[in-house]
Protein backbone atom coordinates (compact mmCIF):
# COMPACT_ATOMS: atom_id res chain seq x y z
CA MET A 1 0.06 0.02 0.28
CA ARG A 2 3.00 2.79 0.91
CA LYS A 3 4.26 1.74 -2.56
CA ILE A 4 1.09 2.80 -4.33
CA HIS A 5 1.07 6.12 -2.35
CA LYS A 6 4.64 6.29 -2.46
CA ASN A 7 3.93 6.60 -6.69
CA LYS A 8 0.55 9.08 -6.20
CA GLN A 9 2.89 11.38 -5.05
CA ASP A 10 5.79 10.97 -7.16
CA GLN A 11 3.54 11.32 -9.82
CA LEU A 12 1.66 14.14 -8.45
CA GLU A 13 4.97 15.99 -8.23
CA ILE A 14 6.60 15.25 -11.84
CA ASN A 15 2.91 16.45 -12.79
CA ARG A 16 3.01 19.82 -11.03
CA TYR A 17 6.75 20.45 -11.92
CA GLU A 18 6.13 19.89 -15.95
CA ALA A 19 2.93 22.38 -14.97
CA ILE A 20 5.69 25.09 -13.64
CA LYS A 21 7.68 23.56 -16.44
CA GLU A 22 4.36 25.05 -19.45
CA TYR A 23 3.46 28.35 -17.58
CA THR A 24 7.56 29.31 -17.19
CA TYR A 25 7.77 28.54 -20.99
CA THR A 26 5.08 30.10 -21.86
CA VAL A 27 5.46 32.78 -19.50
CA PHE A 28 9.29 33.58 -20.51
CA SER A 29 9.16 32.38 -24.38
CA PRO A 30 9.38 36.02 -25.70
CA TYR A 31 11.72 37.34 -23.00
CA MET A 32 14.27 35.04 -23.18
CA THR A 33 16.26 32.64 -25.07
CA ASP A 34 15.38 28.02 -25.23
CA ASP A 35 18.67 27.97 -23.13
CA TYR A 36 17.95 30.34 -19.94
CA LEU A 37 14.49 28.87 -19.99
CA GLU A 38 16.06 25.08 -19.37
CA ILE A 39 18.42 26.50 -17.35
CA LEU A 40 15.63 27.91 -14.95
CA CYS A 41 13.15 24.93 -15.52
CA GLN A 42 16.59 23.15 -13.57
CA ASN A 43 16.63 25.58 -10.95
CA ILE A 44 13.26 24.41 -10.06
CA LYS A 45 14.26 21.33 -9.50
CA LEU A 46 16.81 22.00 -8.07
CA TYR A 47 16.99 24.70 -5.43
CA GLU A 48 15.35 22.71 -2.62
CA ILE A 49 17.99 19.02 -2.87
CA PRO A 50 21.17 20.87 -0.45
CA GLU A 51 24.69 21.85 -1.96
CA SER A 52 23.13 21.65 -5.29
CA CYS A 53 24.09 24.55 -8.02
CA ILE A 54 21.68 27.47 -8.85
CA ASN A 55 22.51 29.33 -12.77
CA SER A 56 21.80 32.57 -13.07
CA VAL A 57 19.49 33.22 -15.84
CA LEU A 58 18.79 36.42 -18.57
CA THR A 59 16.70 38.20 -20.15
CA ASN A 60 16.46 40.61 -23.21
CA GLY A 61 15.03 43.30 -21.08
CA GLN A 62 11.44 43.96 -21.69
CA LEU A 63 10.81 42.33 -17.90
CA ASN A 64 10.86 44.58 -14.62
CA THR A 65 10.94 43.50 -12.36
CA LEU A 66 7.28 43.55 -10.95
CA ASP A 67 7.09 40.73 -13.87
CA ILE A 68 10.11 39.22 -11.64
CA ARG A 69 8.62 39.04 -8.35
CA HIS A 70 5.26 38.23 -9.56
CA TYR A 71 6.30 34.78 -11.84
CA ALA A 72 8.69 33.60 -7.99
CA TRP A 73 5.60 34.44 -6.74
CA ASN A 74 2.67 32.22 -8.79
CA ILE A 75 5.69 29.20 -9.09
CA GLY A 76 6.15 28.85 -5.17
CA GLU A 77 2.86 29.35 -4.43
CA ARG A 78 2.29 25.57 -6.23
CA LEU A 79 5.50 24.57 -4.79
CA GLY A 80 4.72 26.03 -1.47
CA TRP A 81 7.77 28.06 -1.04
CA SER A 82 7.43 30.62 1.93
CA GLY A 83 8.20 34.05 0.64
CA GLN A 84 11.91 34.30 1.90
CA THR A 85 11.97 31.30 -0.12
CA ARG A 86 10.80 32.46 -3.20
CA ALA A 87 12.81 35.35 -3.19
CA THR A 88 16.37 34.55 -2.55
CA PHE A 89 15.17 31.87 -5.65
CA ILE A 90 14.82 35.18 -7.74
CA LYS A 91 17.66 36.69 -7.12
CA LEU A 92 19.67 33.10 -7.35
CA CYS A 93 18.14 32.80 -10.01
CA PHE A 94 17.77 37.06 -11.49
CA PRO A 95 20.82 38.51 -10.49
CA LYS A 96 21.28 41.69 -13.42
CA GLU A 97 17.22 42.17 -12.76
CA LEU A 98 18.06 42.27 -9.00
CA HIS A 99 20.90 43.62 -8.39
CA ASP A 100 19.74 46.90 -7.21
CA VAL A 101 17.56 45.03 -5.61
CA GLU A 102 17.28 42.57 -1.48
CA VAL A 103 15.81 40.09 -0.87
CA GLU A 104 13.81 41.08 1.70
CA SER A 105 12.18 43.59 -0.15
CA ILE A 106 11.50 41.61 -2.58
CA ARG A 107 9.92 38.90 -0.42
CA ARG A 108 7.60 42.33 0.56
CA THR A 109 6.54 42.64 -2.35
CA LEU A 110 6.16 39.93 -4.19
CA ARG A 111 2.22 40.40 -5.00
CA GLN A 112 2.80 44.15 -5.19
CA LYS A 113 0.76 45.54 -8.05
CA GLY A 114 1.84 47.97 -10.87
CA LYS A 115 2.70 47.69 -15.12
CA CYS A 116 3.64 45.06 -15.89
CA LYS A 117 3.32 41.92 -18.33
CA ILE A 118 3.29 38.70 -15.61
CA GLY A 119 0.46 38.68 -13.43
CA ILE A 120 -0.24 37.50 -10.58
CA ASP A 121 -1.65 33.82 -10.76
CA ILE A 122 -3.49 32.64 -7.87
CA PRO A 123 -4.44 29.07 -7.61
CA ASP A 124 -7.95 26.93 -7.39
CA LYS A 125 -7.73 25.15 -4.31
CA ASP A 126 -5.91 21.72 -3.78
CA SER A 127 -4.07 22.96 -7.27
CA TYR A 128 -1.56 23.49 -8.80
CA GLU A 129 -2.04 24.53 -12.31
CA PHE A 130 -1.58 27.65 -14.17
CA HIS A 131 -5.14 30.28 -15.02
CA TYR A 132 -3.19 31.88 -18.43
């Protein structure tokens, strides 16, 4: 019985990651190369594994920090990440875009309103699907 439960949990994690990967490609593909998109998706998988190496990515400069903060909020909501985890993750992934913003400031403003291309996407209860 435990094996069946573990298999269901594993499949849920695979499905959640695939939904996040699809979302990442959808929202970032106009602003980031495929190589950087793949690195970003790998970073998501590796982030909670101790001793993992997180590689930085670059956008084409058309997104603002609010877009990146909203992206972090959106994926973090599906992954159960704290605000601190979300802020630290994007600070590591987007060091150029976020070079003049402290992690604590990022954490406090993940859901800030303003002009942006990537909006806040609140998942339905008990769901990891995106509404784009």
